[in-house]
Amino acid sequence: MTDPIAARDAELAGVFERLEQAAEQEAAWRDEKESLVRQAKALGASHRAIGGRIEMSHTGVGKLITRTTPAADGSGDVG
């Protein structure tokens, strides 16, 4: 006979492991998306054109760019 509590705990551990992997993948894809948005903007794309491709408003694109672009003077650095 299988211990139902041990079986549940083992299944839960597997779910948690997959959940952690999914979170890591999500963060990596978010970083990639933000990088591509900045690249598109640097190449002259409008906020509306970018937003139309990522299901985000042009205002949201502007905020994303502002939030993820390092300050040129280093004032955004946390030390």
PDB file of N, CA and C in Angstrom:
ATOM      1  N   MET A   1       0.833  -1.194   0.000  1.00  0.00           N
ATOM      2  CA  MET A   1       0.000   0.000   0.000  1.00  0.00           C
ATOM      3  C   MET A   1       0.873   1.251   0.000  1.00  0.00           C
ATOM      4  N   THR A   2       0.418   2.227  -0.734  1.00  0.00           N
ATOM      5  CA  THR A   2       1.115   3.504  -0.794  1.00  0.00           C
ATOM      6  C   THR A   2       0.544   4.443   0.258  1.00  0.00           C
ATOM      7  N   ASP A   3       1.422   5.113   0.932  1.00  0.00           N
ATOM      8  CA  ASP A   3       1.016   6.100   1.935  1.00  0.00           C
ATOM      9  C   ASP A   3       0.453   7.314   1.190  1.00  0.00           C
ATOM     10  N   PRO A   4      -0.827   7.632   1.350  1.00  0.00           N
ATOM     11  CA  PRO A   4      -1.428   8.738   0.595  1.00  0.00           C
ATOM     12  C   PRO A   4      -0.820  10.098   0.935  1.00  0.00           C
ATOM     13  N   ILE A   5      -0.396  10.272   2.152  1.00  0.00           N
ATOM     14  CA  ILE A   5       0.209  11.547   2.544  1.00  0.00           C
ATOM     15  C   ILE A   5       1.568  11.705   1.877  1.00  0.00           C
ATOM     16  N   ALA A   6       2.364  10.646   1.890  1.00  0.00           N
ATOM     17  CA  ALA A   6       3.682  10.689   1.238  1.00  0.00           C
ATOM     18  C   ALA A   6       3.524  10.879  -0.274  1.00  0.00           C
ATOM     19  N   ALA A   7       2.530  10.240  -0.862  1.00  0.00           N
ATOM     20  CA  ALA A   7       2.281  10.380  -2.299  1.00  0.00           C
ATOM     21  C   ALA A   7       1.894  11.819  -2.634  1.00  0.00           C
ATOM     22  N   ARG A   8       1.028  12.392  -1.812  1.00  0.00           N
ATOM     23  CA  ARG A   8       0.627  13.784  -2.028  1.00  0.00           C
ATOM     24  C   ARG A   8       1.814  14.724  -1.876  1.00  0.00           C
ATOM     25  N   ASP A   9       2.639  14.493  -0.858  1.00  0.00           N
ATOM     26  CA  ASP A   9       3.816  15.333  -0.626  1.00  0.00           C
ATOM     27  C   ASP A   9       4.793  15.248  -1.797  1.00  0.00           C
ATOM     28  N   ALA A  10       4.971  14.057  -2.335  1.00  0.00           N
ATOM     29  CA  ALA A  10       5.859  13.881  -3.483  1.00  0.00           C
ATOM     30  C   ALA A  10       5.297  14.599  -4.715  1.00  0.00           C
ATOM     31  N   GLU A  11       3.997  14.480  -4.922  1.00  0.00           N
ATOM     32  CA  GLU A  11       3.375  15.164  -6.057  1.00  0.00           C
ATOM     33  C   GLU A  11       3.475  16.678  -5.893  1.00  0.00           C
ATOM     34  N   LEU A  12       3.256  17.165  -4.675  1.00  0.00           N
ATOM     35  CA  LEU A  12       3.348  18.589  -4.396  1.00  0.00           C
ATOM     36  C   LEU A  12       4.775  19.095  -4.623  1.00  0.00           C
ATOM     37  N   ALA A  13       5.766  18.329  -4.230  1.00  0.00           N
ATOM     38  CA  ALA A  13       7.165  18.708  -4.454  1.00  0.00           C
ATOM     39  C   ALA A  13       7.440  18.841  -5.954  1.00  0.00           C
ATOM     40  N   GLY A  14       6.889  17.928  -6.749  1.00  0.00           N
ATOM     41  CA  GLY A  14       7.049  18.007  -8.202  1.00  0.00           C
ATOM     42  C   GLY A  14       6.385  19.244  -8.783  1.00  0.00           C
ATOM     43  N   VAL A  15       5.206  19.558  -8.283  1.00  0.00           N
ATOM     44  CA  VAL A  15       4.499  20.759  -8.748  1.00  0.00           C
ATOM     45  C   VAL A  15       5.295  22.003  -8.375  1.00  0.00           C
ATOM     46  N   PHE A  16       5.811  22.061  -7.169  1.00  0.00           N
ATOM     47  CA  PHE A  16       6.613  23.217  -6.755  1.00  0.00           C
ATOM     48  C   PHE A  16       7.867  23.360  -7.619  1.00  0.00           C
ATOM     49  N   GLU A  17       8.507  22.254  -7.958  1.00  0.00           N
ATOM     50  CA  GLU A  17       9.695  22.309  -8.802  1.00  0.00           C
ATOM     51  C   GLU A  17       9.343  22.872 -10.182  1.00  0.00           C
ATOM     52  N   ARG A  18       8.245  22.392 -10.766  1.00  0.00           N
ATOM     53  CA  ARG A  18       7.814  22.906 -12.071  1.00  0.00           C
ATOM     54  C   ARG A  18       7.399  24.368 -11.984  1.00  0.00           C
ATOM     55  N   LEU A  19       6.788  24.759 -10.869  1.00  0.00           N
ATOM     56  CA  LEU A  19       6.381  26.143 -10.661  1.00  0.00           C
ATOM     57  C   LEU A  19       7.595  27.062 -10.611  1.00  0.00           C
ATOM     58  N   GLU A  20       8.635  26.639  -9.909  1.00  0.00           N
ATOM     59  CA  GLU A  20       9.867  27.427  -9.839  1.00  0.00           C
ATOM     60  C   GLU A  20      10.505  27.559 -11.223  1.00  0.00           C
ATOM     61  N   GLN A  21      10.513  26.473 -11.990  1.00  0.00           N
ATOM     62  CA  GLN A  21      11.063  26.521 -13.350  1.00  0.00           C
ATOM     63  C   GLN A  21      10.261  27.481 -14.225  1.00  0.00           C
ATOM     64  N   ALA A  22       8.949  27.430 -14.106  1.00  0.00           N
ATOM     65  CA  ALA A  22       8.092  28.317 -14.891  1.00  0.00           C
ATOM     66  C   ALA A  22       8.353  29.779 -14.537  1.00  0.00           C
ATOM     67  N   ALA A  23       8.535  30.062 -13.249  1.00  0.00           N
ATOM     68  CA  ALA A  23       8.819  31.429 -12.815  1.00  0.00           C
ATOM     69  C   ALA A  23      10.148  31.914 -13.382  1.00  0.00           C
ATOM     70  N   GLU A  24      11.151  31.038 -13.398  1.00  0.00           N
ATOM     71  CA  GLU A  24      12.458  31.400 -13.969  1.00  0.00           C
ATOM     72  C   GLU A  24      12.337  31.669 -15.465  1.00  0.00           C
ATOM     73  N   GLN A  25      11.586  30.829 -16.161  1.00  0.00           N
ATOM     74  CA  GLN A  25      11.393  31.016 -17.600  1.00  0.00           C
ATOM     75  C   GLN A  25      10.631  32.302 -17.887  1.00  0.00           C
ATOM     76  N   GLU A  26       9.614  32.573 -17.075  1.00  0.00           N
ATOM     77  CA  GLU A  26       8.834  33.797 -17.239  1.00  0.00           C
ATOM     78  C   GLU A  26       9.721  35.027 -17.077  1.00  0.00           C
ATOM     79  N   ALA A  27      10.583  35.012 -16.072  1.00  0.00           N
ATOM     80  CA  ALA A  27      11.485  36.147 -15.847  1.00  0.00           C
ATOM     81  C   ALA A  27      12.442  36.317 -17.018  1.00  0.00           C
ATOM     82  N   ALA A  28      12.945  35.218 -17.538  1.00  0.00           N
ATOM     83  CA  ALA A  28      13.860  35.300 -18.681  1.00  0.00           C
ATOM     84  C   ALA A  28      13.154  35.852 -19.912  1.00  0.00           C
ATOM     85  N   TRP A  29      11.929  35.408 -20.166  1.00  0.00           N
ATOM     86  CA  TRP A  29      11.184  35.927 -21.320  1.00  0.00           C
ATOM     87  C   TRP A  29      10.809  37.396 -21.125  1.00  0.00           C
ATOM     88  N   ARG A  30      10.491  37.785 -19.897  1.00  0.00           N
ATOM     89  CA  ARG A  30      10.185  39.195 -19.622  1.00  0.00           C
ATOM     90  C   ARG A  30      11.402  40.063 -19.921  1.00  0.00           C
ATOM     91  N   ASP A  31      12.569  39.618 -19.469  1.00  0.00           N
ATOM     92  CA  ASP A  31      13.803  40.364 -19.740  1.00  0.00           C
ATOM     93  C   ASP A  31      14.054  40.468 -21.235  1.00  0.00           C
ATOM     94  N   GLU A  32      13.821  39.377 -21.962  1.00  0.00           N
ATOM     95  CA  GLU A  32      14.007  39.379 -23.416  1.00  0.00           C
ATOM     96  C   GLU A  32      13.035  40.354 -24.082  1.00  0.00           C
ATOM     97  N   LYS A  33      11.771  40.321 -23.658  1.00  0.00           N
ATOM     98  CA  LYS A  33      10.769  41.223 -24.230  1.00  0.00           C
ATOM     99  C   LYS A  33      11.150  42.676 -23.980  1.00  0.00           C
ATOM    100  N   GLU A  34      11.567  42.989 -22.765  1.00  0.00           N
ATOM    101  CA  GLU A  34      11.940  44.364 -22.442  1.00  0.00           C
ATOM    102  C   GLU A  34      13.135  44.813 -23.272  1.00  0.00           C
ATOM    103  N   SER A  35      14.090  43.932 -23.469  1.00  0.00           N
ATOM    104  CA  SER A  35      15.253  44.250 -24.304  1.00  0.00           C
ATOM    105  C   SER A  35      14.834  44.520 -25.748  1.00  0.00           C
ATOM    106  N   LEU A  36      13.937  43.693 -26.266  1.00  0.00           N
ATOM    107  CA  LEU A  36      13.478  43.874 -27.644  1.00  0.00           C
ATOM    108  C   LEU A  36      12.670  45.160 -27.808  1.00  0.00           C
ATOM    109  N   VAL A  37      11.892  45.511 -26.785  1.00  0.00           N
ATOM    110  CA  VAL A  37      11.145  46.772 -26.828  1.00  0.00           C
ATOM    111  C   VAL A  37      12.126  47.940 -26.909  1.00  0.00           C
ATOM    112  N   ARG A  38      13.160  47.920 -26.078  1.00  0.00           N
ATOM    113  CA  ARG A  38      14.152  49.003 -26.117  1.00  0.00           C
ATOM    114  C   ARG A  38      14.876  49.051 -27.464  1.00  0.00           C
ATOM    115  N   GLN A  39      15.181  47.882 -28.017  1.00  0.00           N
ATOM    116  CA  GLN A  39      15.831  47.836 -29.324  1.00  0.00           C
ATOM    117  C   GLN A  39      14.927  48.410 -30.412  1.00  0.00           C
ATOM    118  N   ALA A  40      13.648  48.036 -30.388  1.00  0.00           N
ATOM    119  CA  ALA A  40      12.705  48.547 -31.380  1.00  0.00           C
ATOM    120  C   ALA A  40      12.600  50.064 -31.278  1.00  0.00           C
ATOM    121  N   LYS A  41      12.548  50.574 -30.062  1.00  0.00           N
ATOM    122  CA  LYS A  41      12.471  52.027 -29.867  1.00  0.00           C
ATOM    123  C   LYS A  41      13.743  52.696 -30.380  1.00  0.00           C
ATOM    124  N   ALA A  42      14.903  52.100 -30.098  1.00  0.00           N
ATOM    125  CA  ALA A  42      16.175  52.656 -30.562  1.00  0.00           C
ATOM    126  C   ALA A  42      16.249  52.678 -32.082  1.00  0.00           C
ATOM    127  N   LEU A  43      15.531  51.760 -32.720  1.00  0.00           N
ATOM    128  CA  LEU A  43      15.517  51.706 -34.186  1.00  0.00           C
ATOM    129  C   LEU A  43      14.431  52.598 -34.791  1.00  0.00           C
ATOM    130  N   GLY A  44      13.731  53.339 -33.934  1.00  0.00           N
ATOM    131  CA  GLY A  44      12.778  54.327 -34.425  1.00  0.00           C
ATOM    132  C   GLY A  44      11.320  53.923 -34.396  1.00  0.00           C
ATOM    133  N   ALA A  45      10.988  52.784 -33.839  1.00  0.00           N
ATOM    134  CA  ALA A  45       9.587  52.372 -33.782  1.00  0.00           C
ATOM    135  C   ALA A  45       8.818  53.249 -32.798  1.00  0.00           C
ATOM    136  N   SER A  46       7.564  53.505 -33.117  1.00  0.00           N
ATOM    137  CA  SER A  46       6.720  54.284 -32.205  1.00  0.00           C
ATOM    138  C   SER A  46       6.216  53.399 -31.077  1.00  0.00           C
ATOM    139  N   HIS A  47       5.796  54.046 -30.010  1.00  0.00           N
ATOM    140  CA  HIS A  47       5.235  53.301 -28.881  1.00  0.00           C
ATOM    141  C   HIS A  47       3.996  52.535 -29.330  1.00  0.00           C
ATOM    142  N   ARG A  48       3.195  53.137 -30.198  1.00  0.00           N
ATOM    143  CA  ARG A  48       1.989  52.459 -30.686  1.00  0.00           C
ATOM    144  C   ARG A  48       2.322  51.226 -31.504  1.00  0.00           C
ATOM    145  N   ALA A  49       3.331  51.329 -32.358  1.00  0.00           N
ATOM    146  CA  ALA A  49       3.718  50.182 -33.181  1.00  0.00           C
ATOM    147  C   ALA A  49       4.242  49.042 -32.305  1.00  0.00           C
ATOM    148  N   ILE A  50       5.013  49.388 -31.309  1.00  0.00           N
ATOM    149  CA  ILE A  50       5.545  48.361 -30.393  1.00  0.00           C
ATOM    150  C   ILE A  50       4.395  47.750 -29.597  1.00  0.00           C
ATOM    151  N   GLY A  51       3.566  48.601 -29.029  1.00  0.00           N
ATOM    152  CA  GLY A  51       2.463  48.131 -28.198  1.00  0.00           C
ATOM    153  C   GLY A  51       1.505  47.227 -28.941  1.00  0.00           C
ATOM    154  N   GLY A  52       1.279  47.514 -30.221  1.00  0.00           N
ATOM    155  CA  GLY A  52       0.382  46.681 -31.014  1.00  0.00           C
ATOM    156  C   GLY A  52       0.875  45.255 -31.177  1.00  0.00           C
ATOM    157  N   ARG A  53       2.154  45.061 -31.047  1.00  0.00           N
ATOM    158  CA  ARG A  53       2.730  43.722 -31.200  1.00  0.00           C
ATOM    159  C   ARG A  53       2.832  42.952 -29.891  1.00  0.00           C
ATOM    160  N   ILE A  54       2.739  43.652 -28.773  1.00  0.00           N
ATOM    161  CA  ILE A  54       2.879  42.962 -27.481  1.00  0.00           C
ATOM    162  C   ILE A  54       1.640  43.130 -26.603  1.00  0.00           C
ATOM    163  N   GLU A  55       0.547  43.568 -27.218  1.00  0.00           N
ATOM    164  CA  GLU A  55      -0.712  43.750 -26.500  1.00  0.00           C
ATOM    165  C   GLU A  55      -0.545  44.642 -25.279  1.00  0.00           C
ATOM    166  N   MET A  56       0.049  45.805 -25.530  1.00  0.00           N
ATOM    167  CA  MET A  56       0.280  46.785 -24.468  1.00  0.00           C
ATOM    168  C   MET A  56      -0.073  48.165 -25.036  1.00  0.00           C
ATOM    169  N   SER A  57      -0.595  49.029 -24.210  1.00  0.00           N
ATOM    170  CA  SER A  57      -0.906  50.380 -24.667  1.00  0.00           C
ATOM    171  C   SER A  57       0.382  51.142 -24.952  1.00  0.00           C
ATOM    172  N   HIS A  58       0.266  52.180 -25.781  1.00  0.00           N
ATOM    173  CA  HIS A  58       1.455  52.996 -26.070  1.00  0.00           C
ATOM    174  C   HIS A  58       1.985  53.642 -24.793  1.00  0.00           C
ATOM    175  N   THR A  59       1.090  53.975 -23.876  1.00  0.00           N
ATOM    176  CA  THR A  59       1.507  54.542 -22.595  1.00  0.00           C
ATOM    177  C   THR A  59       2.292  53.506 -21.789  1.00  0.00           C
ATOM    178  N   GLY A  60       1.808  52.275 -21.793  1.00  0.00           N
ATOM    179  CA  GLY A  60       2.508  51.200 -21.098  1.00  0.00           C
ATOM    180  C   GLY A  60       3.890  50.962 -21.673  1.00  0.00           C
ATOM    181  N   VAL A  61       4.007  51.057 -22.998  1.00  0.00           N
ATOM    182  CA  VAL A  61       5.312  50.892 -23.649  1.00  0.00           C
ATOM    183  C   VAL A  61       6.263  51.984 -23.169  1.00  0.00           C
ATOM    184  N   GLY A  62       5.783  53.214 -23.128  1.00  0.00           N
ATOM    185  CA  GLY A  62       6.617  54.318 -22.659  1.00  0.00           C
ATOM    186  C   GLY A  62       7.086  54.105 -21.231  1.00  0.00           C
ATOM    187  N   LYS A  63       6.181  53.640 -20.373  1.00  0.00           N
ATOM    188  CA  LYS A  63       6.546  53.382 -18.980  1.00  0.00           C
ATOM    189  C   LYS A  63       7.553  52.241 -18.882  1.00  0.00           C
ATOM    190  N   LEU A  64       7.357  51.193 -19.699  1.00  0.00           N
ATOM    191  CA  LEU A  64       8.290  50.065 -19.704  1.00  0.00           C
ATOM    192  C   LEU A  64       9.680  50.539 -20.101  1.00  0.00           C
ATOM    193  N   ILE A  65       9.757  51.343 -21.144  1.00  0.00           N
ATOM    194  CA  ILE A  65      11.046  51.848 -21.607  1.00  0.00           C
ATOM    195  C   ILE A  65      11.706  52.692 -20.521  1.00  0.00           C
ATOM    196  N   THR A  66      10.946  53.566 -19.911  1.00  0.00           N
ATOM    197  CA  THR A  66      11.489  54.420 -18.852  1.00  0.00           C
ATOM    198  C   THR A  66      11.972  53.592 -17.671  1.00  0.00           C
ATOM    199  N   ARG A  67      11.179  52.600 -17.287  1.00  0.00           N
ATOM    200  CA  ARG A  67      11.496  51.783 -16.123  1.00  0.00           C
ATOM    201  C   ARG A  67      12.711  50.885 -16.353  1.00  0.00           C
ATOM    202  N   THR A  68      12.911  50.438 -17.579  1.00  0.00           N
ATOM    203  CA  THR A  68      13.948  49.433 -17.826  1.00  0.00           C
ATOM    204  C   THR A  68      15.198  49.983 -18.488  1.00  0.00           C
ATOM    205  N   THR A  69      15.221  51.264 -18.806  1.00  0.00           N
ATOM    206  CA  THR A  69      16.397  51.862 -19.432  1.00  0.00           C
ATOM    207  C   THR A  69      17.282  52.452 -18.348  1.00  0.00           C
ATOM    208  N   PRO A  70      18.536  52.012 -18.255  1.00  0.00           N
ATOM    209  CA  PRO A  70      19.433  52.560 -17.228  1.00  0.00           C
ATOM    210  C   PRO A  70      19.664  54.048 -17.458  1.00  0.00           C
ATOM    211  N   ALA A  71      19.771  54.798 -16.381  1.00  0.00           N
ATOM    212  CA  ALA A  71      20.038  56.219 -16.480  1.00  0.00           C
ATOM    213  C   ALA A  71      21.458  56.433 -17.006  1.00  0.00           C
ATOM    214  N   ALA A  72      21.625  57.362 -17.934  1.00  0.00           N
ATOM    215  CA  ALA A  72      22.928  57.617 -18.525  1.00  0.00           C
ATOM    216  C   ALA A  72      23.929  58.167 -17.508  1.00  0.00           C
ATOM    217  N   ASP A  73      23.427  58.868 -16.492  1.00  0.00           N
ATOM    218  CA  ASP A  73      24.324  59.462 -15.502  1.00  0.00           C
ATOM    219  C   ASP A  73      24.620  58.542 -14.325  1.00  0.00           C
ATOM    220  N   GLY A  74      24.051  57.327 -14.374  1.00  0.00           N
ATOM    221  CA  GLY A  74      24.293  56.383 -13.298  1.00  0.00           C
ATOM    222  C   GLY A  74      23.426  56.605 -12.074  1.00  0.00           C
ATOM    223  N   SER A  75      22.487  57.579 -12.142  1.00  0.00           N
ATOM    224  CA  SER A  75      21.662  57.880 -10.970  1.00  0.00           C
ATOM    225  C   SER A  75      20.698  56.749 -10.633  1.00  0.00           C
ATOM    226  N   GLY A  76      20.463  55.852 -11.586  1.00  0.00           N
ATOM    227  CA  GLY A  76      19.586  54.728 -11.315  1.00  0.00           C
ATOM    228  C   GLY A  76      20.289  53.578 -10.641  1.00  0.00           C
ATOM    229  N   ASP A  77      21.599  53.706 -10.471  1.00  0.00           N
ATOM    230  CA  ASP A  77      22.362  52.627  -9.854  1.00  0.00           C
ATOM    231  C   ASP A  77      22.057  52.543  -8.373  1.00  0.00           C
ATOM    232  N   VAL A  78      21.921  51.337  -7.897  1.00  0.00           N
ATOM    233  CA  VAL A  78      21.697  51.118  -6.473  1.00  0.00           C
ATOM    234  C   VAL A  78      22.997  50.562  -5.917  1.00  0.00           C
ATOM    235  N   GLY A  79      23.519  51.156  -4.903  1.00  0.00           N
ATOM    236  CA  GLY A  79      24.803  50.711  -4.405  1.00  0.00           C
ATOM    237  C   GLY A  79      24.751  50.468  -2.990  1.00  0.00           C
TER     238      GLY A  79
END
